[in-house]
């Protein structure tokens, strides 16, 4: 059995992926890991490869998702993305997006709503 925070993180990434797919992006990879770090989700937005960092927040007491990505974390993500691009030379354009998520308190109790609709998404294109 996983710790609650690990399960919440996995769920957030899943629902973020579903949300981005509903916005027209296509999944390329998820949880790309190497010795340099990890990229949560890699998607394709037409011809642009998108490296997505997912941040789930129960509340904003300690700031939002974008503020939680320090310069050191950005550097780690860049180096990990560089390695990915070296291994996947077919991609010519790339960007870094951040999706900050929180529970949507306005979700109605409609039976046929998608699970990702339980969340509020703050999607920042070209975040850094």
N, C-alpha and C. Protein backbone atom coordinates (compact mmCIF):
# COMPACT_ATOMS: atom_id res chain seq x y z
N UNK A 1 0.84 -1.18 0.00
CA UNK A 1 0.00 0.00 0.00
C UNK A 1 0.88 1.24 0.00
N UNK A 2 0.56 2.19 -0.88
CA UNK A 2 1.35 3.41 -1.00
C UNK A 2 0.96 4.43 0.04
N UNK A 3 1.94 5.26 0.37
CA UNK A 3 1.67 6.39 1.26
C UNK A 3 0.67 7.32 0.57
N UNK A 4 -0.14 7.99 1.36
CA UNK A 4 -1.19 8.86 0.82
C UNK A 4 -0.63 9.92 -0.12
N UNK A 5 0.48 10.57 0.26
CA UNK A 5 1.01 11.64 -0.59
C UNK A 5 1.52 11.09 -1.93
N UNK A 6 2.04 9.85 -1.94
CA UNK A 6 2.48 9.25 -3.20
C UNK A 6 1.30 8.94 -4.10
N UNK A 7 0.22 8.42 -3.51
CA UNK A 7 -0.98 8.12 -4.29
C UNK A 7 -1.60 9.40 -4.83
N UNK A 8 -1.62 10.47 -4.02
CA UNK A 8 -2.15 11.75 -4.49
C UNK A 8 -1.33 12.27 -5.66
N UNK A 9 -0.01 12.11 -5.60
CA UNK A 9 0.86 12.54 -6.69
C UNK A 9 0.59 11.77 -7.96
N UNK A 10 0.44 10.46 -7.86
CA UNK A 10 0.12 9.64 -9.04
C UNK A 10 -1.22 10.03 -9.63
N UNK A 11 -2.21 10.23 -8.76
CA UNK A 11 -3.55 10.63 -9.23
C UNK A 11 -3.47 11.99 -9.93
N UNK A 12 -2.74 12.92 -9.35
CA UNK A 12 -2.62 14.26 -9.94
C UNK A 12 -2.01 14.17 -11.33
N UNK A 13 -0.97 13.38 -11.49
CA UNK A 13 -0.34 13.24 -12.81
C UNK A 13 -1.30 12.60 -13.81
N UNK A 14 -2.05 11.61 -13.37
CA UNK A 14 -3.02 10.95 -14.25
C UNK A 14 -4.09 11.94 -14.72
N UNK A 15 -4.65 12.69 -13.78
CA UNK A 15 -5.72 13.62 -14.13
C UNK A 15 -5.18 14.81 -14.93
N UNK A 16 -3.96 15.20 -14.66
CA UNK A 16 -3.33 16.25 -15.46
C UNK A 16 -3.16 15.78 -16.90
N UNK A 17 -2.69 14.56 -17.06
CA UNK A 17 -2.52 13.99 -18.40
C UNK A 17 -3.87 13.96 -19.14
N UNK A 18 -4.92 13.50 -18.46
CA UNK A 18 -6.25 13.45 -19.08
C UNK A 18 -6.72 14.86 -19.46
N UNK A 19 -6.47 15.82 -18.58
CA UNK A 19 -6.86 17.20 -18.87
C UNK A 19 -6.13 17.71 -20.11
N UNK A 20 -4.81 17.52 -20.16
CA UNK A 20 -4.04 18.01 -21.30
C UNK A 20 -4.46 17.31 -22.59
N UNK A 21 -4.78 16.03 -22.50
CA UNK A 21 -5.28 15.32 -23.68
C UNK A 21 -6.61 15.91 -24.14
N UNK A 22 -7.45 16.31 -23.20
CA UNK A 22 -8.74 16.92 -23.56
C UNK A 22 -8.53 18.28 -24.23
N UNK A 23 -7.34 18.87 -24.04
CA UNK A 23 -7.00 20.15 -24.64
C UNK A 23 -6.26 19.97 -25.97
N UNK A 24 -6.11 18.72 -26.42
CA UNK A 24 -5.53 18.45 -27.73
C UNK A 24 -4.09 17.96 -27.74
N UNK A 25 -3.45 17.86 -26.58
CA UNK A 25 -2.08 17.35 -26.54
C UNK A 25 -2.10 15.83 -26.59
N UNK A 26 -1.00 15.27 -27.10
CA UNK A 26 -0.89 13.81 -27.21
C UNK A 26 0.23 13.30 -26.31
N UNK A 27 -0.05 12.22 -25.61
CA UNK A 27 0.92 11.64 -24.69
C UNK A 27 2.08 11.01 -25.46
N UNK A 28 3.29 11.34 -25.05
CA UNK A 28 4.50 10.73 -25.60
C UNK A 28 5.10 9.78 -24.57
N UNK A 29 5.24 10.26 -23.33
CA UNK A 29 5.86 9.46 -22.27
C UNK A 29 5.43 10.04 -20.92
N UNK A 30 5.59 9.24 -19.90
CA UNK A 30 5.34 9.74 -18.55
C UNK A 30 6.37 9.15 -17.60
N UNK A 31 6.67 9.93 -16.59
CA UNK A 31 7.67 9.54 -15.58
C UNK A 31 8.99 9.12 -16.21
N UNK A 32 9.50 9.96 -17.12
CA UNK A 32 10.81 9.70 -17.71
C UNK A 32 11.87 9.93 -16.65
N UNK A 33 12.62 8.87 -16.33
CA UNK A 33 13.63 8.95 -15.28
C UNK A 33 15.00 8.64 -15.86
N UNK A 34 15.97 9.35 -15.33
CA UNK A 34 17.37 9.08 -15.65
C UNK A 34 18.19 9.52 -14.45
N UNK A 35 19.49 9.38 -14.53
CA UNK A 35 20.35 9.74 -13.40
C UNK A 35 20.29 11.23 -13.07
N UNK A 36 19.82 12.04 -14.02
CA UNK A 36 19.76 13.48 -13.82
C UNK A 36 18.48 13.96 -13.14
N UNK A 37 17.41 13.17 -13.26
CA UNK A 37 16.14 13.59 -12.67
C UNK A 37 14.97 12.89 -13.32
N UNK A 38 13.80 13.49 -13.17
CA UNK A 38 12.57 12.92 -13.70
C UNK A 38 11.70 14.02 -14.30
N UNK A 39 11.04 13.66 -15.39
CA UNK A 39 10.04 14.55 -15.99
C UNK A 39 8.70 13.84 -15.86
N UNK A 40 7.73 14.54 -15.28
CA UNK A 40 6.44 13.92 -14.97
C UNK A 40 5.72 13.42 -16.22
N UNK A 41 5.51 14.31 -17.18
CA UNK A 41 4.77 13.96 -18.39
C UNK A 41 5.46 14.63 -19.58
N UNK A 42 5.52 13.90 -20.68
CA UNK A 42 6.02 14.47 -21.94
C UNK A 42 4.91 14.31 -22.95
N UNK A 43 4.52 15.43 -23.57
CA UNK A 43 3.40 15.42 -24.50
C UNK A 43 3.80 16.13 -25.79
N UNK A 44 2.97 15.99 -26.78
CA UNK A 44 3.19 16.65 -28.05
C UNK A 44 2.04 17.61 -28.30
N UNK A 45 2.38 18.89 -28.51
CA UNK A 45 1.41 19.93 -28.85
C UNK A 45 1.68 20.29 -30.29
N UNK A 46 0.98 19.65 -31.20
CA UNK A 46 1.23 19.72 -32.64
C UNK A 46 2.65 19.24 -32.91
N UNK A 47 3.59 20.15 -33.21
CA UNK A 47 4.97 19.72 -33.49
C UNK A 47 5.92 20.06 -32.35
N UNK A 48 5.40 20.56 -31.25
CA UNK A 48 6.24 20.96 -30.12
C UNK A 48 6.18 19.91 -29.01
N UNK A 49 7.34 19.44 -28.59
CA UNK A 49 7.42 18.53 -27.47
C UNK A 49 7.28 19.34 -26.19
N UNK A 50 6.43 18.89 -25.29
CA UNK A 50 6.13 19.63 -24.07
C UNK A 50 6.54 18.80 -22.86
N UNK A 51 7.49 19.34 -22.09
CA UNK A 51 7.90 18.72 -20.84
C UNK A 51 7.04 19.34 -19.74
N UNK A 52 6.23 18.52 -19.09
CA UNK A 52 5.25 19.01 -18.13
C UNK A 52 5.66 18.65 -16.71
N UNK A 53 5.75 19.66 -15.86
CA UNK A 53 5.97 19.47 -14.43
C UNK A 53 4.62 19.66 -13.75
N UNK A 54 4.17 18.64 -13.02
CA UNK A 54 2.87 18.67 -12.36
C UNK A 54 3.08 18.99 -10.88
N UNK A 55 2.32 19.95 -10.38
CA UNK A 55 2.36 20.32 -8.97
C UNK A 55 0.95 20.28 -8.41
N UNK A 56 0.75 19.43 -7.42
CA UNK A 56 -0.56 19.36 -6.76
C UNK A 56 -0.46 20.07 -5.42
N UNK A 57 -1.43 20.92 -5.16
CA UNK A 57 -1.47 21.66 -3.90
C UNK A 57 -2.82 21.44 -3.24
N UNK A 58 -2.79 21.03 -1.98
CA UNK A 58 -4.04 20.93 -1.22
C UNK A 58 -4.59 22.31 -0.96
N UNK A 59 -3.67 23.27 -0.76
CA UNK A 59 -4.05 24.66 -0.56
C UNK A 59 -2.85 25.52 -0.96
N UNK A 60 -3.04 26.82 -0.96
CA UNK A 60 -1.96 27.71 -1.43
C UNK A 60 -1.24 28.42 -0.29
N UNK A 61 -1.30 27.87 0.91
CA UNK A 61 -0.65 28.49 2.06
C UNK A 61 0.84 28.70 1.80
N UNK A 62 1.48 27.70 1.17
CA UNK A 62 2.91 27.79 0.92
C UNK A 62 3.23 28.22 -0.51
N UNK A 63 2.26 28.84 -1.17
CA UNK A 63 2.45 29.29 -2.54
C UNK A 63 1.89 28.31 -3.54
N UNK A 64 1.83 28.75 -4.79
CA UNK A 64 1.30 27.92 -5.86
C UNK A 64 2.36 27.01 -6.44
N UNK A 65 1.96 26.26 -7.45
CA UNK A 65 2.86 25.30 -8.07
C UNK A 65 4.05 25.91 -8.75
N UNK A 66 3.85 27.02 -9.43
CA UNK A 66 4.96 27.64 -10.15
C UNK A 66 6.02 28.14 -9.19
N UNK A 67 5.60 28.72 -8.09
CA UNK A 67 6.55 29.23 -7.10
C UNK A 67 7.37 28.12 -6.45
N UNK A 68 6.86 26.91 -6.49
CA UNK A 68 7.56 25.80 -5.84
C UNK A 68 8.68 25.22 -6.70
N UNK A 69 8.81 25.70 -7.91
CA UNK A 69 9.87 25.19 -8.78
C UNK A 69 11.06 26.13 -8.70
N UNK A 70 12.03 25.74 -7.90
CA UNK A 70 13.21 26.56 -7.64
C UNK A 70 14.13 26.58 -8.87
N UNK A 71 15.07 27.52 -8.91
CA UNK A 71 16.06 27.51 -9.99
C UNK A 71 16.82 26.18 -10.07
N UNK A 72 17.11 25.56 -8.93
CA UNK A 72 17.79 24.27 -8.94
C UNK A 72 16.93 23.20 -9.61
N UNK A 73 15.61 23.20 -9.31
CA UNK A 73 14.69 22.25 -9.93
C UNK A 73 14.58 22.51 -11.43
N UNK A 74 14.51 23.77 -11.83
CA UNK A 74 14.46 24.11 -13.25
C UNK A 74 15.70 23.58 -13.97
N UNK A 75 16.86 23.75 -13.36
CA UNK A 75 18.11 23.29 -13.95
C UNK A 75 18.10 21.77 -14.10
N UNK A 76 17.61 21.08 -13.10
CA UNK A 76 17.52 19.62 -13.14
C UNK A 76 16.58 19.18 -14.27
N UNK A 77 15.44 19.87 -14.40
CA UNK A 77 14.50 19.54 -15.47
C UNK A 77 15.11 19.81 -16.85
N UNK A 78 15.83 20.91 -16.98
CA UNK A 78 16.48 21.22 -18.26
C UNK A 78 17.48 20.15 -18.66
N UNK A 79 18.30 19.74 -17.71
CA UNK A 79 19.31 18.72 -18.01
C UNK A 79 18.67 17.38 -18.36
N UNK A 80 17.60 17.03 -17.66
CA UNK A 80 16.88 15.79 -17.95
C UNK A 80 16.26 15.87 -19.34
N UNK A 81 15.68 17.01 -19.67
CA UNK A 81 15.08 17.21 -20.99
C UNK A 81 16.13 17.16 -22.10
N UNK A 82 17.30 17.73 -21.84
CA UNK A 82 18.39 17.68 -22.83
C UNK A 82 18.77 16.23 -23.14
N UNK A 83 18.86 15.42 -22.11
CA UNK A 83 19.18 14.01 -22.32
C UNK A 83 18.07 13.33 -23.13
N UNK A 84 16.82 13.62 -22.78
CA UNK A 84 15.70 13.03 -23.52
C UNK A 84 15.78 13.42 -25.00
N UNK A 85 16.06 14.69 -25.27
CA UNK A 85 16.13 15.16 -26.65
C UNK A 85 17.32 14.55 -27.40
N UNK A 86 18.40 14.30 -26.71
CA UNK A 86 19.54 13.62 -27.34
C UNK A 86 19.19 12.19 -27.75
N UNK A 87 18.34 11.56 -26.94
CA UNK A 87 17.91 10.19 -27.23
C UNK A 87 16.76 10.14 -28.22
N UNK A 88 16.09 11.26 -28.46
CA UNK A 88 14.91 11.33 -29.33
C UNK A 88 15.07 12.51 -30.28
N UNK A 89 15.95 12.38 -31.22
CA UNK A 89 16.34 13.49 -32.10
C UNK A 89 15.27 13.92 -33.10
N UNK A 90 14.16 13.20 -33.17
CA UNK A 90 13.11 13.58 -34.12
C UNK A 90 12.37 14.86 -33.71
N UNK A 91 12.53 15.25 -32.45
CA UNK A 91 11.83 16.45 -31.96
C UNK A 91 12.73 17.67 -32.12
N UNK A 92 12.22 18.69 -32.78
CA UNK A 92 13.00 19.90 -33.05
C UNK A 92 12.63 21.07 -32.14
N UNK A 93 11.39 21.12 -31.69
CA UNK A 93 10.91 22.20 -30.83
C UNK A 93 10.45 21.63 -29.50
N UNK A 94 10.78 22.34 -28.43
CA UNK A 94 10.37 21.88 -27.11
C UNK A 94 10.11 23.07 -26.20
N UNK A 95 9.31 22.82 -25.16
CA UNK A 95 9.06 23.85 -24.15
C UNK A 95 8.78 23.17 -22.81
N UNK A 96 8.83 23.98 -21.76
CA UNK A 96 8.52 23.51 -20.41
C UNK A 96 7.22 24.16 -19.95
N UNK A 97 6.26 23.33 -19.57
CA UNK A 97 5.00 23.81 -19.02
C UNK A 97 4.91 23.36 -17.57
N UNK A 98 4.20 24.13 -16.77
CA UNK A 98 3.90 23.74 -15.40
C UNK A 98 2.39 23.72 -15.26
N UNK A 99 1.89 22.65 -14.66
CA UNK A 99 0.46 22.58 -14.36
C UNK A 99 0.33 22.46 -12.85
N UNK A 100 -0.23 23.51 -12.26
CA UNK A 100 -0.49 23.52 -10.83
C UNK A 100 -1.94 23.12 -10.63
N UNK A 101 -2.16 22.13 -9.78
CA UNK A 101 -3.50 21.58 -9.59
C UNK A 101 -3.94 21.72 -8.14
N UNK A 102 -5.24 21.91 -7.97
CA UNK A 102 -5.84 21.87 -6.64
C UNK A 102 -7.23 21.28 -6.79
N UNK A 103 -7.78 20.82 -5.69
CA UNK A 103 -9.13 20.26 -5.74
C UNK A 103 -10.11 21.36 -6.12
N UNK A 104 -11.05 21.03 -6.99
CA UNK A 104 -12.07 21.96 -7.44
C UNK A 104 -13.26 21.87 -6.49
N UNK A 105 -13.45 22.91 -5.71
CA UNK A 105 -14.56 22.91 -4.75
C UNK A 105 -15.89 23.18 -5.43
N UNK A 106 -15.86 23.55 -6.71
CA UNK A 106 -17.09 23.87 -7.44
C UNK A 106 -17.63 22.69 -8.24
N UNK A 107 -16.97 21.53 -8.17
CA UNK A 107 -17.40 20.38 -8.96
C UNK A 107 -18.81 19.98 -8.57
N UNK A 108 -19.64 19.87 -9.59
CA UNK A 108 -21.02 19.44 -9.32
C UNK A 108 -21.06 17.93 -9.18
N UNK A 109 -22.13 17.44 -8.71
CA UNK A 109 -22.30 16.00 -8.52
C UNK A 109 -22.92 15.34 -9.74
N UNK A 110 -22.56 15.81 -10.92
CA UNK A 110 -23.07 15.23 -12.16
C UNK A 110 -22.47 13.84 -12.31
N UNK A 111 -23.31 12.86 -12.65
CA UNK A 111 -22.85 11.48 -12.71
C UNK A 111 -21.79 11.25 -13.78
N UNK A 112 -21.89 11.89 -14.91
CA UNK A 112 -21.03 11.58 -16.04
C UNK A 112 -19.85 12.52 -16.20
N UNK A 113 -19.46 13.21 -15.15
CA UNK A 113 -18.30 14.10 -15.29
C UNK A 113 -17.01 13.28 -15.29
N UNK A 114 -15.99 13.82 -15.94
CA UNK A 114 -14.68 13.16 -15.98
C UNK A 114 -13.98 13.38 -14.65
N UNK A 115 -13.14 12.45 -14.27
CA UNK A 115 -12.42 12.56 -12.98
C UNK A 115 -11.57 13.81 -12.91
N UNK A 116 -10.95 14.21 -14.04
CA UNK A 116 -10.09 15.39 -14.00
C UNK A 116 -10.88 16.65 -13.71
N UNK A 117 -12.18 16.62 -13.88
CA UNK A 117 -13.00 17.80 -13.60
C UNK A 117 -13.14 18.06 -12.11
N UNK A 118 -12.63 17.17 -11.29
CA UNK A 118 -12.63 17.36 -9.84
C UNK A 118 -11.51 18.32 -9.42
N UNK A 119 -10.70 18.75 -10.37
CA UNK A 119 -9.54 19.58 -10.08
C UNK A 119 -9.61 20.93 -10.80
N UNK A 120 -8.92 21.88 -10.23
CA UNK A 120 -8.71 23.17 -10.88
C UNK A 120 -7.29 23.13 -11.43
N UNK A 121 -7.13 23.51 -12.69
CA UNK A 121 -5.82 23.47 -13.34
C UNK A 121 -5.36 24.88 -13.68
N UNK A 122 -4.14 25.19 -13.28
CA UNK A 122 -3.50 26.43 -13.68
C UNK A 122 -2.34 26.01 -14.56
N UNK A 123 -2.54 26.11 -15.87
CA UNK A 123 -1.60 25.60 -16.87
C UNK A 123 -0.77 26.77 -17.40
N UNK A 124 0.53 26.72 -17.13
CA UNK A 124 1.43 27.81 -17.56
C UNK A 124 2.30 27.29 -18.69
N UNK A 125 2.04 27.79 -19.91
CA UNK A 125 2.86 27.44 -21.07
C UNK A 125 4.18 28.19 -21.01
N UNK A 126 5.25 27.56 -21.50
CA UNK A 126 6.57 28.21 -21.52
C UNK A 126 6.89 28.80 -20.15
N UNK A 127 6.75 28.00 -19.12
CA UNK A 127 6.90 28.48 -17.74
C UNK A 127 8.31 28.96 -17.42
N UNK A 128 9.29 28.34 -18.04
CA UNK A 128 10.69 28.78 -17.82
C UNK A 128 11.54 28.33 -18.97
